[in-house]
N, C-alpha and C. Protein backbone atom coordinates (compact mmCIF):
# COMPACT_ATOMS: atom_id res chain seq x y z
N MET A 1 148.46 131.50 45.75
CA MET A 1 148.22 130.09 46.12
C MET A 1 148.59 129.94 47.57
N SER A 2 147.74 129.39 48.37
CA SER A 2 148.02 129.15 49.82
C SER A 2 148.79 127.88 50.03
N GLU A 3 149.27 127.81 51.24
CA GLU A 3 150.07 126.55 51.54
C GLU A 3 149.13 125.40 51.80
N PRO A 4 149.52 124.17 51.40
CA PRO A 4 148.72 123.03 51.55
C PRO A 4 148.54 122.75 53.06
N PRO A 5 147.44 122.06 53.53
CA PRO A 5 147.31 121.84 54.88
C PRO A 5 148.30 120.78 55.33
N THR A 6 148.56 120.87 56.65
CA THR A 6 149.38 119.85 57.26
C THR A 6 148.57 118.95 58.01
N PRO A 7 148.48 117.67 57.55
CA PRO A 7 147.60 116.71 58.18
C PRO A 7 147.99 116.35 59.59
N ALA A 8 147.02 115.85 60.36
CA ALA A 8 147.28 115.30 61.67
C ALA A 8 148.04 116.21 62.58
N PRO A 9 147.33 117.08 63.24
CA PRO A 9 148.05 117.91 64.24
C PRO A 9 148.73 117.07 65.33
N ASP A 10 149.84 117.70 65.76
CA ASP A 10 150.66 116.92 66.75
C ASP A 10 149.82 116.82 68.09
N ASP A 11 150.33 116.04 68.96
CA ASP A 11 149.66 115.78 70.24
C ASP A 11 149.96 116.65 71.30
N GLY A 12 150.39 117.88 70.97
CA GLY A 12 150.76 118.88 71.96
C GLY A 12 152.23 119.02 72.29
N THR A 13 153.06 118.07 71.83
CA THR A 13 154.42 118.15 72.01
C THR A 13 155.07 119.24 71.11
N PRO A 14 156.05 119.98 71.51
CA PRO A 14 156.53 121.08 70.74
C PRO A 14 157.12 120.69 69.33
N THR A 15 157.61 119.52 69.14
CA THR A 15 158.22 119.10 67.95
C THR A 15 157.57 117.81 67.43
N ALA A 16 157.20 117.79 66.19
CA ALA A 16 156.62 116.60 65.59
C ALA A 16 157.67 115.51 65.61
N THR A 17 157.16 114.17 65.69
CA THR A 17 158.05 113.11 65.82
C THR A 17 158.56 112.66 64.42
N HIS A 18 157.77 112.97 63.31
CA HIS A 18 158.13 112.48 62.05
C HIS A 18 158.04 113.64 60.99
N HIS A 19 158.74 113.57 59.94
CA HIS A 19 158.68 114.50 58.85
C HIS A 19 158.28 113.75 57.53
N TRP A 20 157.32 114.47 56.76
CA TRP A 20 156.95 113.76 55.57
C TRP A 20 157.21 114.80 54.42
N ILE A 21 157.37 114.22 53.30
CA ILE A 21 157.49 115.07 52.03
C ILE A 21 156.65 114.33 50.91
N MET A 22 155.93 115.00 50.22
CA MET A 22 155.13 114.36 49.14
C MET A 22 155.04 115.33 47.85
N THR A 23 155.12 114.65 46.67
CA THR A 23 154.90 115.37 45.45
C THR A 23 153.84 114.53 44.79
N ILE A 24 152.84 115.25 44.22
CA ILE A 24 151.73 114.55 43.54
C ILE A 24 151.46 115.31 42.23
N GLN A 25 150.82 114.55 41.34
CA GLN A 25 150.36 115.20 40.04
C GLN A 25 148.89 114.89 39.75
N SER A 26 148.04 115.88 39.58
CA SER A 26 146.75 115.59 39.28
C SER A 26 146.53 115.11 37.89
N ASP A 27 145.22 114.62 37.63
CA ASP A 27 145.00 114.20 36.25
C ASP A 27 144.90 115.30 35.26
N ARG A 28 144.90 116.49 35.80
CA ARG A 28 144.93 117.72 34.89
C ARG A 28 146.36 118.31 34.80
N GLY A 29 147.30 117.54 35.40
CA GLY A 29 148.75 117.93 35.12
C GLY A 29 149.32 118.89 36.19
N ARG A 30 148.49 119.31 37.14
CA ARG A 30 148.97 120.13 38.22
C ARG A 30 149.82 119.31 39.16
N GLN A 31 150.94 119.96 39.51
CA GLN A 31 151.88 119.27 40.45
C GLN A 31 151.91 120.11 41.70
N ALA A 32 152.23 119.47 42.81
CA ALA A 32 152.40 120.08 44.04
C ALA A 32 153.39 119.22 44.97
N THR A 33 154.23 119.95 45.63
CA THR A 33 155.15 119.29 46.64
C THR A 33 154.96 120.05 47.85
N SER A 34 154.99 119.36 48.96
CA SER A 34 154.83 119.94 50.28
C SER A 34 155.49 118.98 51.31
N ASP A 35 155.82 119.56 52.55
CA ASP A 35 156.29 118.80 53.51
C ASP A 35 155.76 119.27 54.86
N GLY A 36 155.85 118.44 55.90
CA GLY A 36 155.36 118.88 57.16
C GLY A 36 155.75 117.89 58.29
N GLY A 37 155.58 118.35 59.43
CA GLY A 37 155.72 117.52 60.58
C GLY A 37 154.47 116.83 61.06
N ILE A 38 154.51 115.70 61.68
CA ILE A 38 153.39 114.89 62.09
C ILE A 38 153.78 114.07 63.34
N THR A 39 152.88 114.02 64.28
CA THR A 39 153.14 113.17 65.50
C THR A 39 151.89 112.17 65.38
N PRO A 40 152.25 110.90 65.01
CA PRO A 40 151.18 109.97 64.82
C PRO A 40 150.51 109.58 66.14
N GLY A 41 149.26 109.21 66.09
CA GLY A 41 148.56 108.68 67.31
C GLY A 41 149.13 107.36 67.73
N THR A 42 148.76 106.96 68.83
CA THR A 42 149.36 105.74 69.46
C THR A 42 149.19 104.52 68.55
N HIS A 43 148.08 104.37 67.86
CA HIS A 43 147.81 103.19 67.00
C HIS A 43 147.98 103.49 65.52
N SER A 44 148.53 104.61 65.22
CA SER A 44 148.75 104.92 63.71
C SER A 44 149.75 104.03 63.16
N THR A 45 149.61 103.73 61.81
CA THR A 45 150.60 102.97 61.04
C THR A 45 151.12 103.95 59.92
N SER A 46 152.22 103.50 59.27
CA SER A 46 152.75 104.26 58.16
C SER A 46 151.65 104.43 57.04
N ALA A 47 150.85 103.39 56.93
CA ALA A 47 149.76 103.50 55.80
C ALA A 47 148.77 104.61 56.28
N ASP A 48 148.39 104.75 57.57
CA ASP A 48 147.49 105.63 58.00
C ASP A 48 148.02 107.07 57.65
N ILE A 49 149.34 107.33 58.03
CA ILE A 49 149.91 108.60 57.74
C ILE A 49 149.95 108.91 56.28
N TYR A 50 150.27 107.92 55.39
CA TYR A 50 150.35 108.08 53.95
C TYR A 50 148.98 108.55 53.47
N SER A 51 147.91 107.93 53.98
CA SER A 51 146.57 108.25 53.60
C SER A 51 146.18 109.62 53.97
N GLU A 52 146.60 109.99 55.22
CA GLU A 52 146.27 111.39 55.67
C GLU A 52 146.94 112.46 54.83
N VAL A 53 148.25 112.22 54.53
CA VAL A 53 149.00 113.11 53.70
C VAL A 53 148.46 113.25 52.32
N LEU A 54 148.25 112.08 51.65
CA LEU A 54 147.72 112.02 50.29
C LEU A 54 146.36 112.68 50.26
N ASN A 55 145.46 112.55 51.14
CA ASN A 55 144.09 113.23 51.09
C ASN A 55 144.33 114.71 51.27
N ALA A 56 145.22 115.20 52.16
CA ALA A 56 145.43 116.64 52.23
C ALA A 56 146.08 117.23 50.95
N MET A 57 146.99 116.49 50.31
CA MET A 57 147.49 116.96 49.10
C MET A 57 146.50 116.92 47.96
N LYS A 58 145.61 115.90 47.93
CA LYS A 58 144.59 115.87 46.88
C LYS A 58 143.64 117.06 47.09
N ALA A 59 143.33 117.46 48.25
CA ALA A 59 142.47 118.51 48.58
C ALA A 59 143.23 119.81 48.08
N TYR A 60 144.45 119.93 48.35
CA TYR A 60 145.24 121.06 47.90
C TYR A 60 145.21 121.32 46.39
N VAL A 61 145.38 120.19 45.64
CA VAL A 61 145.38 120.41 44.16
C VAL A 61 143.98 120.36 43.56
N GLY A 62 143.05 120.05 44.45
CA GLY A 62 141.59 120.09 43.94
C GLY A 62 141.25 118.94 43.02
N SER A 63 141.87 117.76 43.33
CA SER A 63 141.52 116.62 42.46
C SER A 63 141.55 115.35 43.28
N THR A 64 140.73 114.43 43.11
CA THR A 64 140.80 113.13 43.78
C THR A 64 141.52 112.10 43.03
N ASN A 65 141.80 112.44 41.71
CA ASN A 65 142.54 111.52 40.84
C ASN A 65 144.00 111.99 40.65
N CYS A 66 144.83 111.48 41.54
CA CYS A 66 146.30 111.95 41.54
C CYS A 66 147.23 110.79 41.56
N THR A 67 148.36 111.03 41.07
CA THR A 67 149.43 110.14 41.06
C THR A 67 150.53 110.65 42.04
N VAL A 68 151.04 109.84 42.96
CA VAL A 68 152.11 110.18 43.82
C VAL A 68 153.40 110.04 43.11
N ILE A 69 154.17 111.12 42.97
CA ILE A 69 155.48 111.11 42.31
C ILE A 69 156.61 110.77 43.31
N PHE A 70 156.56 111.23 44.51
CA PHE A 70 157.46 110.97 45.61
C PHE A 70 156.77 111.04 46.92
N TYR A 71 157.16 110.22 47.87
CA TYR A 71 156.68 110.25 49.24
C TYR A 71 157.84 109.74 50.10
N SER A 72 158.00 110.52 51.20
CA SER A 72 159.00 110.10 52.23
C SER A 72 158.34 110.36 53.57
N LEU A 73 158.54 109.51 54.54
CA LEU A 73 158.19 109.66 55.90
C LEU A 73 159.31 109.05 56.74
N ALA A 74 159.84 109.99 57.68
CA ALA A 74 161.09 109.58 58.38
C ALA A 74 161.08 110.24 59.84
N PRO A 75 161.62 109.55 60.73
CA PRO A 75 161.66 110.20 62.07
C PRO A 75 162.27 111.57 62.04
N ASN A 76 161.74 112.45 62.83
CA ASN A 76 162.23 113.84 62.71
C ASN A 76 163.52 114.09 63.57
N ALA A 77 163.78 113.19 64.54
CA ALA A 77 164.93 113.42 65.34
C ALA A 77 166.29 113.10 64.65
N ILE A 78 167.24 113.89 64.94
CA ILE A 78 168.56 113.63 64.38
C ILE A 78 169.36 113.13 65.56
N ASP A 79 169.78 111.95 65.48
CA ASP A 79 170.46 111.33 66.63
C ASP A 79 171.93 111.28 66.50
N ALA A 80 172.55 111.96 65.52
CA ALA A 80 173.95 112.08 65.28
C ALA A 80 174.66 112.86 66.38
N PRO A 81 175.78 112.45 66.85
CA PRO A 81 176.46 113.20 67.88
C PRO A 81 176.90 114.57 67.34
N ALA A 82 177.03 115.40 68.30
CA ALA A 82 177.47 116.78 67.99
C ALA A 82 178.90 116.78 67.48
N VAL A 83 179.25 117.54 66.53
CA VAL A 83 180.61 117.67 66.03
C VAL A 83 181.34 118.71 66.79
N ALA A 84 182.55 118.37 67.36
CA ALA A 84 183.41 119.31 68.06
C ALA A 84 184.06 120.16 67.04
N ARG A 85 184.13 121.50 67.39
CA ARG A 85 184.76 122.45 66.46
C ARG A 85 185.99 122.96 67.13
């Protein structure tokens, strides 16, 4: 089985601005979980990204009738201060 496609290629920056995770189940019982990085376009919304990820995952499992079990979209940057050792 090959890896599912990563939707929405980034805009040329070396690191994607957001990280997504999705688990879906097809009407035939096939489950798939994947994650990836994405850099949304200037006018993209959270709903746009959800639709892109869902469509890519549906194509991966080979079904248009799927249920989303889990979805997360979060900024990719970790802004926590460095810990001194």
